Amino acid sequence: MFRIVSSGDSLLRAFAALNVGRQTASICSVTRNQFVGNHKPANEEYRGRALLQPVVPTLCNVRETSFFNKLPAEQIWKGVISVSNAGKKRGRGKGSGRITAKDLNRGQIIGYGKANIVWPGLSAPVIRGRELVQQQRLPEDKEREAKLRRIRDEMVNFKRLKLSPLERGWSGSKMPGRSIGPPDTIGEDEFVGFDTKCLELKAVVNMKGNHGRKRRVSAMVVTGNGNGLAGFGFGKAIEGRAALRQAKNRAGQKLMHFDLCNGHTVFHDFHCQFGATKLFVERKPEGFGLKCHRAIRTVCEVLGIKDLRAKCEGSTNVQHVVKAFFIGLLKQKDHQKIAEEKGLHVVEFRPENMNFPKVVASPTVCRTESELENNEILDFTQYCMDGKIQLQKKKFPPFYTKFRSWEIYLKKQEYLRNQDKVRLRMMAETGEVRSYLTEKYPECRMGPGPKEE
């Protein structure tokens, strides 16, 4: 808005009014004949002082609109948090999803302000009971500004999804390791008792000459019923939910059945490989648990394996690890099949059974010792590992073995050395603890002697 006010007849008066008017920013009106007319002051000094007084206003620029009151709040926030299509193609604005629009009116109610006044019909009813509500001023709420500031800060702060400990995945609320339910029903076939867990969820980009970068989400899941039936599948879609659903349904169509030893572990140790990933899987007794890669642990949970140890060498790519583990499960053989292949008995020695031999499986026709070859592998673990040896970390002797006190301790314990191992070996071989003089002197036996009559 522009306003023009008439000035005096001299150029000096106009410049003086312009300078003083900018400092005081005052607008006033004055008549022309205040200083100019027939009557002229006799004193010239008074005339000079009057010329410099701020009596004449000047041009004033008033702007009633701005960027913030011209556009609605949605468009202003969109200009702050959005990314153009060209910027998206160049990979910009990757963290813009966390920046959300802030509602500055949140927490404020019409009729309730800083003054804290009761307005009948706005912040209070007009009639309360039989009395007419009057306008009145209440005490000032000192915590009002702090409450509004707290509400606005909650909108800005990014909060991650809170899950119960049983629903969490490998790392907090991220999808890998989380359960997404059974596959969808196919016709009349329902997946009763199945559970699907996500193994991998990542964004992939395909570059094309016509369309540029095409971004999609890739998912890998594994599904199983916890009783030896499991399968894995892949899915790819624009959205993560669609990719997970596609992968889940594909995994339900590619199920494989695996036999479990005693319902809790594998039949034997085995070695498997896919690409640059090598796995050494060991069978463990009941109660040992799952000590392996987190992807293998997830597969074991949906498959029903409870006790296992797996060593991963080389690449730890999740897809390669899962594929190598499934290949190893498909290659494993039960004890009876191994006994038929070798033509020998499969005997098990376990520390919890005091290393007593236990025949697990026997062939239909057993070979004799003369029929065995000189270079034939008779060790069960080495035979199942296909001649591969697991890389073991070198164990260094404890620090106290360098002390003089350790040598003294060894000398004191020398006559007790290997007694337990010798007892176990004698019990396994002869069925009793005996001495080398037992055959010559039968009365030299362990235990209480015969009672005299």
Protein backbone atom coordinates (compact mmCIF):
# COMPACT_ATOMS: atom_id res chain seq x y z
CA MET A 1 0.00 0.00 0.00
CA PHE A 2 1.39 3.39 -0.97
CA ARG A 3 0.36 6.76 0.52
CA ILE A 4 1.34 10.20 -0.85
CA VAL A 5 1.06 13.30 1.33
CA SER A 6 1.65 16.86 0.07
CA SER A 7 4.86 18.54 1.17
CA GLY A 8 6.14 22.11 1.39
CA ASP A 9 7.25 24.24 -1.45
CA SER A 10 10.97 24.00 -0.82
CA LEU A 11 13.26 21.08 -1.64
CA LEU A 12 15.07 21.46 1.68
CA ARG A 13 11.85 20.93 3.60
CA ALA A 14 11.11 17.75 1.63
CA PHE A 15 14.52 16.16 2.31
CA ALA A 16 14.40 17.10 5.98
CA ALA A 17 10.96 15.56 6.37
CA LEU A 18 12.13 12.41 4.52
CA ASN A 19 15.09 11.79 6.85
CA VAL A 20 13.21 12.46 10.05
CA GLY A 21 10.11 10.58 8.89
CA ARG A 22 12.15 7.38 8.32
CA GLN A 23 13.48 7.47 11.84
CA THR A 24 10.20 8.08 13.58
CA ALA A 25 7.90 6.24 11.10
CA SER A 26 5.07 8.58 11.97
CA ILE A 27 2.27 9.56 9.68
CA CYS A 28 0.53 12.83 10.28
CA SER A 29 -1.23 15.47 8.32
CA VAL A 30 -0.37 19.11 8.19
CA THR A 31 -1.87 22.07 6.45
CA ARG A 32 -0.01 23.89 3.80
CA ASN A 33 -0.39 27.34 5.34
CA GLN A 34 1.34 26.41 8.62
CA PHE A 35 4.71 27.65 7.33
CA VAL A 36 3.88 28.94 3.87
CA GLY A 37 1.52 31.86 3.53
CA ASN A 38 1.27 35.60 3.78
CA HIS A 39 2.59 35.65 7.37
CA LYS A 40 6.35 35.09 7.54
CA PRO A 41 8.24 34.86 10.87
CA ALA A 42 10.63 37.63 11.51
CA ASN A 43 13.32 35.43 13.02
CA GLU A 44 15.18 33.44 10.32
CA GLU A 45 16.67 31.02 12.89
CA TYR A 46 13.20 29.99 13.95
CA ARG A 47 12.37 29.39 10.30
CA GLY A 48 15.41 27.08 9.88
CA ARG A 49 14.54 25.08 13.01
CA ALA A 50 10.96 24.69 11.85
CA LEU A 51 12.08 23.26 8.55
CA LEU A 52 13.89 20.39 10.29
CA GLN A 53 10.98 19.35 12.50
CA PRO A 54 9.16 16.07 11.58
CA VAL A 55 5.91 17.66 10.56
CA VAL A 56 5.55 16.21 7.06
CA PRO A 57 5.09 12.43 6.52
CA THR A 58 6.72 10.57 3.67
CA LEU A 59 6.13 7.56 1.47
CA CYS A 60 5.32 4.41 3.59
CA ASN A 61 5.45 0.85 2.17
CA VAL A 62 3.08 -1.60 3.89
CA ARG A 63 3.06 -5.32 2.95
CA GLU A 64 0.00 -7.19 4.16
CA THR A 65 0.90 -10.63 2.67
CA SER A 66 3.95 -12.91 2.91
CA PHE A 67 5.08 -16.39 1.92
CA PHE A 68 3.70 -17.88 5.13
CA ASN A 69 0.16 -16.48 4.93
CA LYS A 70 -0.23 -16.75 1.17
CA LEU A 71 -0.10 -20.59 0.98
CA PRO A 72 -1.87 -23.15 3.17
CA ALA A 73 0.10 -25.15 5.73
CA GLU A 74 0.05 -28.36 3.62
CA GLN A 75 1.84 -26.73 0.69
CA ILE A 76 4.40 -25.05 2.93
CA TRP A 77 5.24 -28.35 4.67
CA LYS A 78 5.35 -30.13 1.30
CA GLY A 79 8.02 -27.71 0.13
CA VAL A 80 10.12 -28.59 3.21
CA ILE A 81 9.79 -32.37 3.42
CA SER A 82 9.13 -33.52 -0.16
CA VAL A 83 11.57 -34.39 -2.93
CA SER A 84 10.99 -33.79 -6.62
CA ASN A 85 10.83 -36.64 -9.11
CA ALA A 86 14.17 -35.62 -10.59
CA GLY A 87 15.68 -35.62 -7.11
CA LYS A 88 14.31 -39.10 -6.38
CA LYS A 89 15.91 -40.46 -9.55
CA ARG A 90 19.24 -39.06 -8.43
CA GLY A 91 18.91 -40.71 -5.04
CA ARG A 92 18.15 -37.59 -3.01
CA GLY A 93 15.90 -37.35 -0.02
CA LYS A 94 16.58 -40.84 1.36
CA GLY A 95 15.94 -39.69 4.92
CA SER A 96 12.92 -37.56 4.10
CA GLY A 97 10.51 -40.28 5.20
CA ARG A 98 11.37 -39.62 8.83
CA ILE A 99 10.58 -35.90 8.56
CA THR A 100 6.86 -35.47 9.07
CA ALA A 101 4.63 -32.40 8.87
CA LYS A 102 4.20 -30.61 12.16
CA ASP A 103 0.70 -29.46 13.15
CA LEU A 104 1.34 -26.17 14.93
CA ASN A 105 -2.33 -25.91 15.97
CA ARG A 106 -2.19 -29.17 17.88
CA GLY A 107 -2.99 -28.74 21.55
CA GLN A 108 -4.74 -25.42 21.02
CA ILE A 109 -8.53 -25.19 21.40
CA ILE A 110 -10.72 -22.29 20.30
CA GLY A 111 -11.74 -20.30 23.36
CA TYR A 112 -8.79 -21.43 25.49
CA GLY A 113 -5.80 -19.12 25.18
CA LYS A 114 -3.13 -17.34 27.13
CA ALA A 115 -5.59 -15.11 28.99
CA ASN A 116 -7.59 -18.10 30.31
CA ILE A 117 -10.98 -16.40 30.09
CA VAL A 118 -14.33 -18.16 30.39
CA TRP A 119 -16.35 -17.35 27.26
CA PRO A 120 -20.02 -18.41 27.51
CA GLY A 121 -21.05 -20.29 24.40
CA LEU A 122 -17.43 -20.88 23.31
CA SER A 123 -15.38 -22.37 26.11
CA ALA A 124 -18.25 -22.87 28.55
CA PRO A 125 -22.01 -23.44 28.32
CA VAL A 126 -24.27 -20.40 28.28
CA ILE A 127 -26.56 -21.76 31.00
CA ARG A 128 -25.33 -24.03 33.77
CA GLY A 129 -28.25 -25.44 35.66
CA ARG A 130 -30.54 -22.44 36.28
CA GLU A 131 -27.79 -19.86 36.32
CA LEU A 132 -26.49 -17.81 33.43
CA VAL A 133 -22.73 -18.22 32.99
CA GLN A 134 -20.88 -14.92 33.10
CA GLN A 135 -17.63 -14.04 31.37
CA GLN A 136 -14.78 -14.13 33.87
CA ARG A 137 -11.01 -14.27 33.94
CA LEU A 138 -9.39 -17.29 35.60
CA PRO A 139 -5.84 -17.51 37.04
CA GLU A 140 -3.15 -17.83 34.41
CA ASP A 141 -1.98 -21.38 33.59
CA LYS A 142 1.81 -21.26 33.89
CA GLU A 143 2.31 -24.75 32.41
CA ARG A 144 0.34 -24.05 29.22
CA GLU A 145 3.36 -23.08 27.09
CA ALA A 146 5.37 -26.04 28.37
CA LYS A 147 2.52 -28.44 27.50
CA LEU A 148 2.20 -27.05 23.98
CA ARG A 149 5.97 -27.28 23.48
CA ARG A 150 5.95 -30.89 24.68
CA ILE A 151 3.14 -31.82 22.29
CA ARG A 152 4.97 -30.24 19.34
CA ASP A 153 8.24 -31.98 20.22
CA GLU A 154 6.49 -35.35 20.27
CA MET A 155 5.41 -34.81 16.66
CA VAL A 156 8.99 -34.08 15.53
CA ASN A 157 10.83 -36.84 17.41
CA PHE A 158 10.93 -40.08 15.39
CA LYS A 159 9.72 -43.03 17.46
CA ARG A 160 10.50 -46.57 16.43
CA LEU A 161 7.86 -49.24 16.56
CA LYS A 162 7.78 -50.87 19.99
CA LEU A 163 7.40 -54.64 19.98
CA SER A 164 7.22 -57.23 22.71
CA PRO A 165 10.39 -59.29 23.24
CA LEU A 166 8.73 -62.33 21.63
CA GLU A 167 7.87 -60.41 18.45
CA ARG A 168 11.27 -58.81 17.92
CA GLY A 169 13.58 -59.92 15.17
CA TRP A 170 17.34 -60.12 15.01
CA SER A 171 17.81 -56.42 15.73
CA GLY A 172 14.90 -54.62 17.38
CA SER A 173 11.86 -53.81 15.26
CA LYS A 174 13.46 -54.56 11.87
CA MET A 175 11.84 -57.25 9.74
CA PRO A 176 14.62 -59.92 9.47
CA GLY A 177 13.93 -62.54 12.13
CA ARG A 178 10.29 -61.54 12.72
CA SER A 179 7.31 -63.84 12.24
CA ILE A 180 4.78 -62.95 9.50
CA GLY A 181 2.30 -65.81 9.92
CA PRO A 182 1.52 -68.90 7.83
CA PRO A 183 1.23 -68.83 4.01
CA ASP A 184 -2.10 -68.05 2.39
CA THR A 185 -4.58 -70.85 1.75
CA ILE A 186 -4.35 -72.50 -1.69
CA GLY A 187 -7.79 -73.77 -2.64
CA GLU A 188 -8.81 -76.19 0.08
CA ASP A 189 -5.27 -76.67 1.40
CA GLU A 190 -4.56 -74.80 4.61
CA PHE A 191 -1.16 -74.38 6.25
CA VAL A 192 -2.14 -75.39 9.77
CA GLY A 193 0.65 -75.12 12.35
CA PHE A 194 3.02 -73.32 9.95
CA ASP A 195 5.01 -70.24 10.82
CA THR A 196 6.93 -67.98 8.43
CA LYS A 197 9.93 -65.88 9.40
CA CYS A 198 11.65 -63.17 7.41
CA LEU A 199 15.32 -63.73 6.63
CA GLU A 200 16.12 -60.74 4.44
CA LEU A 201 14.36 -57.54 3.38
CA LYS A 202 16.30 -55.05 1.30
CA ALA A 203 15.82 -52.42 -1.39
CA VAL A 204 17.18 -53.22 -4.86
CA VAL A 205 17.54 -50.88 -7.82
CA ASN A 206 17.54 -51.78 -11.50
CA MET A 207 18.95 -49.21 -13.92
CA LYS A 208 17.25 -48.90 -17.32
CA GLY A 209 17.91 -46.52 -20.17
CA ASN A 210 14.28 -45.49 -20.65
CA HIS A 211 12.96 -45.35 -17.08
CA GLY A 212 16.15 -44.72 -15.12
CA ARG A 213 16.48 -46.29 -11.69
CA LYS A 214 13.65 -48.66 -10.87
CA ARG A 215 13.49 -49.25 -7.12
CA ARG A 216 11.87 -52.36 -5.65
CA VAL A 217 11.97 -54.34 -2.41
CA SER A 218 13.37 -57.88 -2.28
CA ALA A 219 12.40 -60.33 0.46
CA MET A 220 13.53 -63.81 1.51
CA VAL A 221 11.52 -65.89 3.99
CA VAL A 222 11.45 -69.43 5.37
CA THR A 223 8.32 -71.30 6.47
CA GLY A 224 7.88 -74.57 8.37
CA ASN A 225 5.65 -76.53 10.71
CA GLY A 226 8.29 -77.32 13.36
CA ASN A 227 8.17 -81.04 12.56
CA GLY A 228 10.66 -81.51 9.72
CA LEU A 229 8.73 -79.73 6.95
CA ALA A 230 10.17 -76.43 5.68
CA GLY A 231 10.88 -74.35 2.59
CA PHE A 232 12.21 -70.96 1.60
CA GLY A 233 11.15 -68.49 -1.08
CA PHE A 234 11.91 -65.11 -2.61
CA GLY A 235 9.67 -62.19 -3.50
CA LYS A 236 10.10 -58.82 -5.16
CA ALA A 237 7.62 -55.95 -5.34
CA ILE A 238 7.37 -52.18 -5.10
CA GLU A 239 6.20 -52.30 -1.47
CA GLY A 240 7.65 -54.39 1.36
CA ARG A 241 4.35 -55.99 2.40
CA ALA A 242 3.65 -57.21 -1.12
CA ALA A 243 7.18 -58.65 -1.40
CA LEU A 244 6.84 -60.49 1.93
CA ARG A 245 3.48 -61.93 0.98
CA GLN A 246 4.78 -63.10 -2.40
CA ALA A 247 7.84 -64.73 -0.82
CA LYS A 248 5.69 -66.37 1.89
CA ASN A 249 3.34 -67.96 -0.63
CA ARG A 250 6.23 -69.16 -2.79
CA ALA A 251 7.91 -70.74 0.23
CA GLY A 252 4.66 -72.60 0.99
CA GLN A 253 4.71 -74.09 -2.53
CA LYS A 254 8.32 -75.36 -2.23
CA LEU A 255 8.24 -77.42 0.96
CA MET A 256 10.84 -80.10 1.71
CA HIS A 257 10.69 -82.81 4.35
CA PHE A 258 13.70 -83.70 6.50
CA ASP A 259 14.02 -86.55 8.99
CA LEU A 260 15.18 -85.49 12.46
CA CYS A 261 17.25 -87.65 14.79
CA ASN A 262 15.24 -88.23 17.99
CA GLY A 263 13.13 -85.22 17.00
CA HIS A 264 15.67 -82.60 18.10
CA THR A 265 18.87 -82.69 15.97
CA VAL A 266 20.51 -83.94 12.78
CA PHE A 267 21.69 -87.53 12.28
CA HIS A 268 25.40 -86.77 11.94
CA ASP A 269 27.97 -84.05 11.30
CA PHE A 270 28.15 -82.87 7.71
CA HIS A 271 29.92 -80.37 5.49
CA CYS A 272 28.09 -78.33 2.85
CA GLN A 273 29.01 -75.51 0.52
CA PHE A 274 27.27 -72.99 -1.72
CA GLY A 275 29.34 -70.44 -3.58
CA ALA A 276 32.01 -69.08 -1.26
CA THR A 277 30.10 -70.15 1.87
CA LYS A 278 31.22 -73.30 3.71
CA LEU A 279 29.29 -74.79 6.62
CA PHE A 280 30.46 -77.37 9.15
CA VAL A 281 27.41 -78.64 11.03
CA GLU A 282 27.83 -80.73 14.20
CA ARG A 283 25.28 -82.90 15.92
CA LYS A 284 24.79 -82.07 19.60
CA PRO A 285 23.03 -83.79 22.54
CA GLU A 286 19.69 -82.70 23.87
CA GLY A 287 19.80 -79.46 25.84
CA PHE A 288 22.80 -78.00 23.99
CA GLY A 289 20.75 -75.41 22.08
CA LEU A 290 21.43 -73.67 18.78
CA LYS A 291 24.92 -72.20 18.44
CA CYS A 292 25.13 -71.05 14.85
CA HIS A 293 24.52 -68.21 12.40
CA ARG A 294 21.29 -66.31 13.07
CA ALA A 295 19.87 -67.29 9.67
CA ILE A 296 20.54 -70.98 10.43
CA ARG A 297 18.99 -70.56 13.86
CA THR A 298 15.82 -69.14 12.30
CA VAL A 299 15.64 -72.03 9.84
CA CYS A 300 16.10 -74.54 12.68
CA GLU A 301 13.29 -72.93 14.69
CA VAL A 302 10.73 -73.35 11.90
CA LEU A 303 12.11 -76.80 11.04
CA GLY A 304 12.03 -78.23 14.57
CA ILE A 305 15.78 -78.63 15.21
CA LYS A 306 16.60 -77.71 18.81
CA ASP A 307 20.26 -78.74 19.29
CA LEU A 308 22.93 -77.91 16.75
CA ARG A 309 26.30 -76.25 16.24
CA ALA A 310 27.36 -74.79 12.90
CA LYS A 311 30.62 -73.11 11.90
CA CYS A 312 30.44 -70.76 8.91
CA GLU A 313 33.56 -70.10 6.84
CA GLY A 314 33.95 -67.74 3.93
CA SER A 315 31.07 -65.52 2.81
CA THR A 316 28.25 -64.88 5.29
CA ASN A 317 25.69 -63.86 2.67
CA VAL A 318 22.29 -64.77 4.11
CA GLN A 319 21.02 -66.33 0.90
CA HIS A 320 24.15 -68.46 0.47
CA VAL A 321 24.10 -69.55 4.12
CA VAL A 322 20.47 -70.70 3.92
CA LYS A 323 20.96 -72.49 0.60
CA ALA A 324 24.09 -74.25 1.85
CA PHE A 325 22.27 -75.41 5.00
CA PHE A 326 19.34 -76.81 3.02
CA ILE A 327 21.78 -78.63 0.71
CA GLY A 328 23.48 -80.19 3.76
CA LEU A 329 20.13 -81.29 5.20
CA LEU A 330 19.21 -82.93 1.90
CA LYS A 331 22.56 -84.75 1.78
CA GLN A 332 22.42 -86.21 5.29
CA LYS A 333 21.69 -89.93 5.69
CA ASP A 334 20.21 -91.84 8.56
CA HIS A 335 22.30 -94.39 10.50
CA GLN A 336 20.75 -97.42 8.82
CA LYS A 337 21.57 -96.13 5.35
CA ILE A 338 25.18 -95.47 6.31
CA ALA A 339 25.47 -98.95 7.80
CA GLU A 340 24.19 -100.48 4.55
CA GLU A 341 26.63 -98.41 2.47
CA LYS A 342 29.66 -99.36 4.54
CA GLY A 343 28.56 -102.89 5.39
CA LEU A 344 29.61 -102.28 9.01
CA HIS A 345 27.94 -101.60 12.34
CA VAL A 346 27.45 -97.97 13.40
CA VAL A 347 28.56 -97.71 17.02
CA GLU A 348 28.06 -94.63 19.18
CA PHE A 349 30.22 -93.54 22.13
CA ARG A 350 28.78 -90.77 24.30
CA PRO A 351 30.38 -89.16 27.38
CA GLU A 352 27.06 -89.06 29.22
CA ASN A 353 26.92 -92.87 28.87
CA MET A 354 30.47 -93.21 30.23
CA ASN A 355 31.65 -93.92 26.64
CA PHE A 356 30.05 -97.36 26.61
CA PRO A 357 29.56 -98.59 23.02
CA LYS A 358 26.03 -98.57 21.70
CA VAL A 359 25.15 -100.14 18.35
CA VAL A 360 22.91 -97.66 16.55
CA ALA A 361 22.46 -99.46 13.23
CA SER A 362 23.53 -102.80 11.71
CA PRO A 363 23.76 -103.80 8.03
CA THR A 364 21.99 -106.74 6.47
CA VAL A 365 25.34 -108.37 5.63
CA CYS A 366 28.30 -107.29 7.76
CA ARG A 367 31.83 -107.42 6.36
CA THR A 368 34.69 -109.05 8.22
CA GLU A 369 37.96 -107.40 9.18
CA SER A 370 39.82 -109.15 6.35
CA GLU A 371 37.48 -107.60 3.78
CA LEU A 372 38.32 -104.04 4.82
CA GLU A 373 40.73 -102.03 2.68
CA ASN A 374 43.90 -100.49 4.10
CA ASN A 375 42.98 -96.88 3.24
CA GLU A 376 39.27 -97.17 4.03
CA ILE A 377 37.82 -94.43 6.27
CA LEU A 378 36.35 -95.97 9.41
CA ASP A 379 35.87 -92.79 11.42
CA PHE A 380 32.16 -91.89 11.29
CA THR A 381 32.66 -88.11 11.46
CA GLN A 382 35.33 -88.03 8.78
CA TYR A 383 33.21 -90.23 6.52
CA CYS A 384 30.18 -87.93 6.90
CA MET A 385 32.30 -84.82 6.33
CA ASP A 386 33.50 -86.20 2.94
CA GLY A 387 37.11 -86.07 4.12
CA LYS A 388 36.88 -82.33 5.01
CA ILE A 389 38.41 -81.04 8.25
CA GLN A 390 36.98 -78.08 10.13
CA LEU A 391 39.38 -75.22 10.73
CA GLN A 392 39.94 -75.04 14.46
CA LYS A 393 41.31 -72.04 16.26
CA LYS A 394 44.73 -72.67 17.75
CA LYS A 395 44.59 -73.05 21.52
CA PHE A 396 47.47 -71.56 23.45
CA PRO A 397 48.53 -72.96 26.85
CA PRO A 398 47.23 -71.07 29.91
CA PHE A 399 49.42 -68.40 31.43
CA TYR A 400 49.96 -70.30 34.69
CA THR A 401 51.82 -73.16 32.95
CA LYS A 402 54.95 -70.97 32.95
CA PHE A 403 55.00 -70.67 36.73
CA ARG A 404 57.13 -72.80 39.06
CA SER A 405 54.05 -73.64 41.12
CA TRP A 406 52.52 -75.45 38.11
CA GLU A 407 55.48 -77.84 37.92
CA ILE A 408 55.15 -78.60 41.63
CA TYR A 409 51.42 -79.27 41.16
CA LEU A 410 52.11 -81.71 38.29
CA LYS A 411 54.60 -83.66 40.41
CA LYS A 412 52.07 -84.01 43.21
CA GLN A 413 49.34 -85.18 40.84
CA GLU A 414 51.54 -87.55 38.86
CA TYR A 415 50.46 -90.74 40.65
CA LEU A 416 46.75 -89.82 40.17
CA ARG A 417 47.13 -89.04 36.47
CA ASN A 418 44.75 -90.72 33.98
CA GLN A 419 43.07 -92.84 36.63
CA ASP A 420 39.56 -91.94 35.50
CA LYS A 421 40.35 -92.58 31.83
CA VAL A 422 41.95 -95.93 32.62
CA ARG A 423 38.92 -97.01 34.65
CA LEU A 424 36.55 -96.09 31.80
CA ARG A 425 38.67 -97.92 29.23
CA MET A 426 38.85 -101.06 31.39
CA MET A 427 35.10 -101.01 31.99
CA ALA A 428 34.48 -100.65 28.24
CA GLU A 429 36.94 -103.39 27.21
CA THR A 430 36.73 -106.01 30.00
CA GLY A 431 33.63 -105.02 31.92
CA GLU A 432 35.56 -104.57 35.18
CA VAL A 433 38.47 -102.67 36.69
CA ARG A 434 41.37 -105.10 36.80
CA SER A 435 45.16 -105.17 37.06
CA TYR A 436 47.70 -106.76 34.74
CA LEU A 437 48.30 -109.33 37.51
CA THR A 438 44.67 -110.45 37.63
CA GLU A 439 45.22 -113.42 35.26
CA LYS A 440 48.22 -114.64 37.27
CA TYR A 441 46.68 -113.94 40.65
CA PRO A 442 42.89 -114.18 40.37
CA GLU A 443 42.50 -113.07 43.96
CA CYS A 444 43.85 -109.60 42.98
CA ARG A 445 40.54 -108.00 42.17
CA MET A 446 39.03 -104.63 42.94
CA GLY A 447 36.27 -104.34 45.46
CA PRO A 448 35.49 -106.21 48.67
CA GLY A 449 36.86 -109.72 48.93
CA PRO A 450 34.80 -112.85 49.45
CA LYS A 451 33.42 -113.32 52.91
CA GLU A 452 34.96 -116.09 55.00
CA GLU A 453 32.57 -118.75 56.26
